[in-house]
Structure formats: C-alpha cells, structure tokens
Amino acid sequence: MAKSRYADATKAARRAAMSAHKVTAAANAGDAVAAAQPTAGAVAEPARDARRDELTHVDAKGEVRMVDVSDKAETHRIAIAEGTILMHPETQAMVLQDRAKKGDVLACARVAGIMAIKRTSDIIPMCHPLLITKSKCDIAPIAPTGTPAEDVPEGWAPARADGQVGFHVLVTAGVTGKTGIEMEALTGASAACLTIYDMCKAVDRGMEISEIRLLKKDGGKTGLWLRGESE
C-alpha cells in the first residue's frame, strides 16, 4: 500500500528534528565541523543537558515506540500534579451546596481522578501499564477574591490574584516500578477537572480548565524534581 503524503511529511519532519538534535549536541561538544552555521539574527540559547535533547519515544528512524525498561531498576516513584477549573461564583456555590442535578460533583470528580491514574496507559499511547501503589485526588474550593490568607477556611485553596473562583485539584500518584508516574498524575488531574466540567456544564458552559502541571516527581535515575527549582 502506498504511503500517504501525510505519513511521508511526518517522517520527514521527524528526521529533520532528529538531525537538528544531533547538530546541537555536536556543537555543544565542540565539534565545529558538525555544528550548523547560525542564521542571521539567531539568538544564542543557554547550554542544555544533552540527555534532555534525546526523545526516548522516538527511534533512530524517527518512528514512535514504547521505551524498553526491562534493564531499569525498580524504585519507589511518586508524582504530584495539579489542575484548576474556574467558574461563576454561583456555580461554585451550587457544587458546595450539593445542588447539581447530576449528584455529588466533587465525589464523582475524585473517583474520576483516581480511575484515570489507573487507566493512563489506555489513554496515552506510549505509557506502560503500571501497578499503582498510591492514588489520591484532593479537590479544594478556591476562596473568594479579597479573602486574607489567614481567613481562608480549612480545606479551601487561597484566593487567586485575578479574583476568579472554582476548584483546585491536587493529585498524588505512586508506584514501585521501572518507569515514572508523571503522566498518571497529570492524567488524573485532567480527568478530575473534566468531570467537574461535565457535572456542571448544564449551568455554566464557560468554565475554564487551566494550569494542569507537574509539581513534583521523585525516584528513578533522575531523582527529585520540583517545580520552581532549576532544572
């Protein structure tokens, strides 16, 4: 069967990207022959860890693959991710007063987050199925604008600088295994936010999901990583 133009273009783009990575690595090693000539007006970028320039999910031919982790040591790994869903104050009040027609919004969202952690490999193509050892999803309402930090009720998230309210999701995922669990934590945070949207969309379709991001990972070869610290 003839390959589609899209497939050919995609492979060509991957090969070009890999070639650019090799040129960058050669330049960092001081190989003036292999280094690409800078273009006019190009801005010099800070030196990077060469390991970070390797895409482990792409093979030498530019094809995607699942990484072989058979030779890796099993270590305890943990990842923490967060997410935020913003909404009208009336929608937040509806959720907190348990008036949503579909039922208990936050309970459903917590279960969704935990389920998503366990089923991430069914959603993200190159993720390994993992035997999850820890799966937790906490959801806190965001305090109204102008609420001093000392007056924020227990179990609530601090008020935002932009004055918007909604819910803050914090997901923790753990495993003892050969590969990391960052994607599981991120998928759990995303699923919890999406579930809140689904439960409330009948009254507030303008809700906004944002700030889905990794806060911490630990374990494995790279050890501890914390958001806000130098990478």
Protein backbone atom coordinates (compact mmCIF):
# COMPACT_ATOMS: atom_id res chain seq x y z
CA MET A 1 0.00 0.00 0.00
CA ALA A 2 1.38 3.42 -0.94
CA LYS A 3 2.22 5.66 1.97
CA SER A 4 0.12 8.81 2.32
CA ARG A 5 1.64 12.23 1.77
CA TYR A 6 0.84 12.99 5.39
CA ALA A 7 2.83 10.00 6.65
CA ASP A 8 5.77 10.88 4.39
CA ALA A 9 5.74 14.50 5.57
CA THR A 10 5.51 13.43 9.20
CA LYS A 11 8.51 11.11 8.90
CA ALA A 12 10.48 13.79 7.08
CA ALA A 13 9.74 16.25 9.87
CA ARG A 14 10.87 13.73 12.48
CA ARG A 15 14.10 13.06 10.61
CA ALA A 16 14.73 16.79 10.33
CA ALA A 17 14.11 17.24 14.06
CA MET A 18 16.48 14.40 14.94
CA SER A 19 19.11 15.84 12.64
CA ALA A 20 18.78 19.20 14.39
CA HIS A 21 19.24 17.49 17.76
CA LYS A 22 22.43 15.80 16.54
CA VAL A 23 23.81 19.09 15.24
CA THR A 24 23.10 20.80 18.56
CA ALA A 25 24.78 18.00 20.51
CA ALA A 26 27.83 18.19 18.24
CA ALA A 27 28.06 21.94 18.71
CA ASN A 28 27.91 21.60 22.49
CA ALA A 29 30.74 19.04 22.31
CA GLY A 30 32.91 21.47 20.39
CA ASP A 31 32.69 19.73 17.03
CA ALA A 32 32.99 22.73 14.73
CA VAL A 33 32.68 20.59 11.62
CA ALA A 34 29.33 19.08 12.51
CA ALA A 35 27.89 22.23 14.02
CA ALA A 36 25.29 24.06 11.96
CA GLN A 37 26.09 27.60 10.89
CA PRO A 38 23.96 30.11 12.83
CA THR A 39 21.47 32.10 10.82
CA ALA A 40 21.42 35.88 10.78
CA GLY A 41 19.71 37.27 13.84
CA ALA A 42 19.71 33.92 15.63
CA VAL A 43 19.66 34.20 19.41
CA ALA A 44 22.08 32.02 21.33
CA GLU A 45 20.34 29.59 23.68
CA PRO A 46 21.72 28.53 27.06
CA ALA A 47 23.54 25.21 27.19
CA ARG A 48 21.28 22.22 27.84
CA ASP A 49 21.86 18.83 29.34
CA ALA A 50 22.48 16.61 26.29
CA ARG A 51 20.33 13.88 27.87
CA ARG A 52 17.33 16.18 27.75
CA ASP A 53 17.70 16.57 23.99
CA GLU A 54 17.07 12.88 23.39
CA LEU A 55 13.48 11.88 22.66
CA THR A 56 13.27 8.41 24.17
CA HIS A 57 9.94 7.68 22.50
CA VAL A 58 11.47 8.16 19.01
CA ASP A 59 13.85 5.60 17.50
CA ALA A 60 16.75 6.17 15.09
CA LYS A 61 14.34 6.10 12.14
CA GLY A 62 12.06 8.74 13.62
CA GLU A 63 9.35 6.22 14.48
CA VAL A 64 7.49 6.38 17.79
CA ARG A 65 8.00 3.46 20.17
CA MET A 66 7.40 2.32 23.73
CA VAL A 67 10.65 2.60 25.67
CA ASP A 68 12.23 -0.69 26.74
CA VAL A 69 12.55 -0.51 30.53
CA SER A 70 13.49 -4.16 31.13
CA ASP A 71 17.02 -3.27 32.29
CA LYS A 72 15.96 -0.49 34.66
CA ALA A 73 15.98 -0.97 38.41
CA GLU A 74 12.70 -0.93 40.30
CA THR A 75 12.49 2.10 42.58
CA HIS A 76 9.76 3.84 44.52
CA ARG A 77 8.44 6.68 42.37
CA ILE A 78 5.99 9.44 43.14
CA ALA A 79 4.47 12.32 41.19
CA ILE A 80 2.23 15.19 42.22
CA ALA A 81 0.24 17.23 39.70
CA GLU A 82 -2.35 19.97 39.95
CA GLY A 83 -5.14 21.45 37.90
CA THR A 84 -7.69 24.27 38.23
CA ILE A 85 -11.21 24.73 36.96
CA LEU A 86 -12.63 28.25 37.11
CA MET A 87 -16.34 29.08 37.07
CA HIS A 88 -19.02 31.57 38.08
CA PRO A 89 -19.39 32.06 41.85
CA GLU A 90 -22.97 30.78 41.56
CA THR A 91 -21.70 27.54 40.03
CA GLN A 92 -19.17 27.06 42.82
CA ALA A 93 -21.93 27.64 45.38
CA MET A 94 -24.16 25.09 43.63
CA VAL A 95 -21.42 22.46 43.89
CA LEU A 96 -20.65 23.20 47.53
CA GLN A 97 -24.36 23.09 48.44
CA ASP A 98 -24.76 19.79 46.55
CA ARG A 99 -27.45 21.19 44.26
CA ALA A 100 -26.12 19.84 40.95
CA LYS A 101 -28.71 17.72 39.17
CA LYS A 102 -26.15 15.00 38.34
CA GLY A 103 -25.28 14.47 42.00
CA ASP A 104 -22.22 14.91 44.21
CA VAL A 105 -19.81 16.72 41.86
CA LEU A 106 -16.67 16.56 43.97
CA ALA A 107 -17.07 12.92 44.99
CA CYS A 108 -17.51 11.94 41.36
CA ALA A 109 -14.50 14.02 40.31
CA ARG A 110 -12.28 12.43 42.98
CA VAL A 111 -13.21 8.95 41.79
CA ALA A 112 -12.60 10.01 38.18
CA GLY A 113 -9.13 11.27 39.07
CA ILE A 114 -8.22 8.01 40.78
CA MET A 115 -9.61 5.92 37.93
CA ALA A 116 -7.67 7.98 35.39
CA ILE A 117 -4.42 7.38 37.26
CA LYS A 118 -5.01 3.63 37.00
CA ARG A 119 -6.01 3.72 33.31
CA THR A 120 -3.48 6.19 31.90
CA SER A 121 -1.83 3.59 29.66
CA ASP A 122 -5.21 3.15 27.91
CA ILE A 123 -5.23 6.86 27.02
CA ILE A 124 -1.59 7.88 26.42
CA PRO A 125 -0.23 5.55 23.69
CA MET A 126 3.37 5.08 24.84
CA CYS A 127 2.76 4.83 28.59
CA HIS A 128 3.48 1.49 30.27
CA PRO A 129 0.72 -0.20 32.30
CA LEU A 130 1.73 0.23 35.95
CA LEU A 131 0.84 -1.49 39.20
CA ILE A 132 -0.21 1.63 41.07
CA THR A 133 0.64 1.70 44.77
CA LYS A 134 -0.75 5.15 45.63
CA SER A 135 -3.62 7.05 44.06
CA LYS A 136 -5.06 10.17 45.68
CA CYS A 137 -7.14 13.07 44.40
CA ASP A 138 -7.87 16.10 46.60
CA ILE A 139 -10.19 18.90 45.49
CA ALA A 140 -10.43 22.25 47.28
CA PRO A 141 -12.75 25.20 46.56
CA ILE A 142 -10.93 28.43 45.75
CA ALA A 143 -11.61 31.22 48.24
CA PRO A 144 -13.39 34.39 47.06
CA THR A 145 -11.33 37.37 45.99
CA GLY A 146 -10.08 39.56 48.78
CA THR A 147 -10.05 36.79 51.39
CA PRO A 148 -6.92 37.25 53.55
CA ALA A 149 -4.72 34.16 53.75
CA GLU A 150 -5.32 33.86 57.49
CA ASP A 151 -9.09 33.87 56.94
CA VAL A 152 -9.19 31.13 54.29
CA PRO A 153 -11.34 28.30 55.70
CA GLU A 154 -9.68 24.97 56.39
CA GLY A 155 -9.79 22.76 53.31
CA TRP A 156 -10.03 25.72 50.91
CA ALA A 157 -7.45 26.93 48.41
CA PRO A 158 -6.20 30.55 48.72
CA ALA A 159 -7.89 33.34 46.75
CA ARG A 160 -6.48 33.98 43.29
CA ALA A 161 -4.90 37.24 42.26
CA ASP A 162 -7.32 37.51 39.32
CA GLY A 163 -10.34 37.13 41.63
CA GLN A 164 -11.76 34.05 39.91
CA VAL A 165 -13.21 31.15 41.87
CA GLY A 166 -13.68 27.46 41.21
CA PHE A 167 -11.81 24.38 42.38
CA HIS A 168 -8.17 23.38 42.73
CA VAL A 169 -7.27 19.73 42.11
CA LEU A 170 -4.19 18.08 43.61
CA VAL A 171 -3.32 14.53 42.55
CA THR A 172 -0.67 12.24 44.03
CA ALA A 173 0.33 9.00 42.29
CA GLY A 174 2.88 6.43 43.42
CA VAL A 175 4.38 3.21 42.11
CA THR A 176 7.27 0.86 42.75
CA GLY A 177 8.49 0.09 39.28
CA LYS A 178 10.84 0.71 36.38
CA THR A 179 9.29 3.81 34.87
CA GLY A 180 7.97 7.15 36.08
CA ILE A 181 4.43 8.05 37.02
CA GLU A 182 4.24 11.70 35.97
CA MET A 183 1.74 11.03 33.18
CA GLU A 184 -0.55 9.21 35.59
CA ALA A 185 -0.64 12.18 37.95
CA LEU A 186 -1.24 14.64 35.11
CA THR A 187 -3.97 12.47 33.60
CA GLY A 188 -5.66 12.18 36.99
CA ALA A 189 -5.69 15.95 37.46
CA SER A 190 -7.08 16.43 33.95
CA ALA A 191 -9.82 13.84 34.40
CA ALA A 192 -10.94 15.33 37.73
CA CYS A 193 -11.26 18.80 36.18
CA LEU A 194 -13.08 17.42 33.15
CA THR A 195 -15.51 15.56 35.38
CA ILE A 196 -16.36 18.74 37.27
CA TYR A 197 -16.98 20.41 33.90
CA ASP A 198 -19.24 17.55 32.79
CA MET A 199 -21.24 17.64 36.03
CA CYS A 200 -21.79 21.41 35.83
CA LYS A 201 -21.83 22.26 32.12
CA ALA A 202 -25.63 22.48 32.02
CA VAL A 203 -25.49 25.69 34.05
CA ASP A 204 -22.02 27.06 33.17
CA ARG A 205 -20.51 26.19 29.80
CA GLY A 206 -17.97 28.99 30.20
CA MET A 207 -15.95 27.13 32.84
CA GLU A 208 -12.23 27.16 32.15
CA ILE A 209 -9.72 24.38 32.88
CA SER A 210 -6.17 25.64 33.31
CA GLU A 211 -2.81 25.17 34.99
CA ILE A 212 -2.60 21.40 34.53
CA ARG A 213 1.03 20.87 35.50
CA LEU A 214 3.50 18.68 37.31
CA LEU A 215 4.59 19.94 40.73
CA LYS A 216 6.92 17.16 41.86
CA LYS A 217 8.43 13.87 40.76
CA ASP A 218 10.82 11.66 42.65
CA GLY A 219 12.50 8.31 42.13
CA GLY A 220 14.26 6.67 39.24
CA LYS A 221 17.51 7.68 37.59
CA THR A 222 16.79 11.42 37.59
CA GLY A 223 15.74 11.57 41.25
CA LEU A 224 13.89 14.55 42.67
CA TRP A 225 12.42 17.32 40.53
CA LEU A 226 10.43 20.22 41.97
CA ARG A 227 8.62 22.96 40.06
CA GLY A 228 10.29 26.30 40.62
CA GLU A 229 13.76 24.89 41.13
CA SER A 230 16.44 24.97 38.43
CA GLU A 231 16.07 22.03 36.06
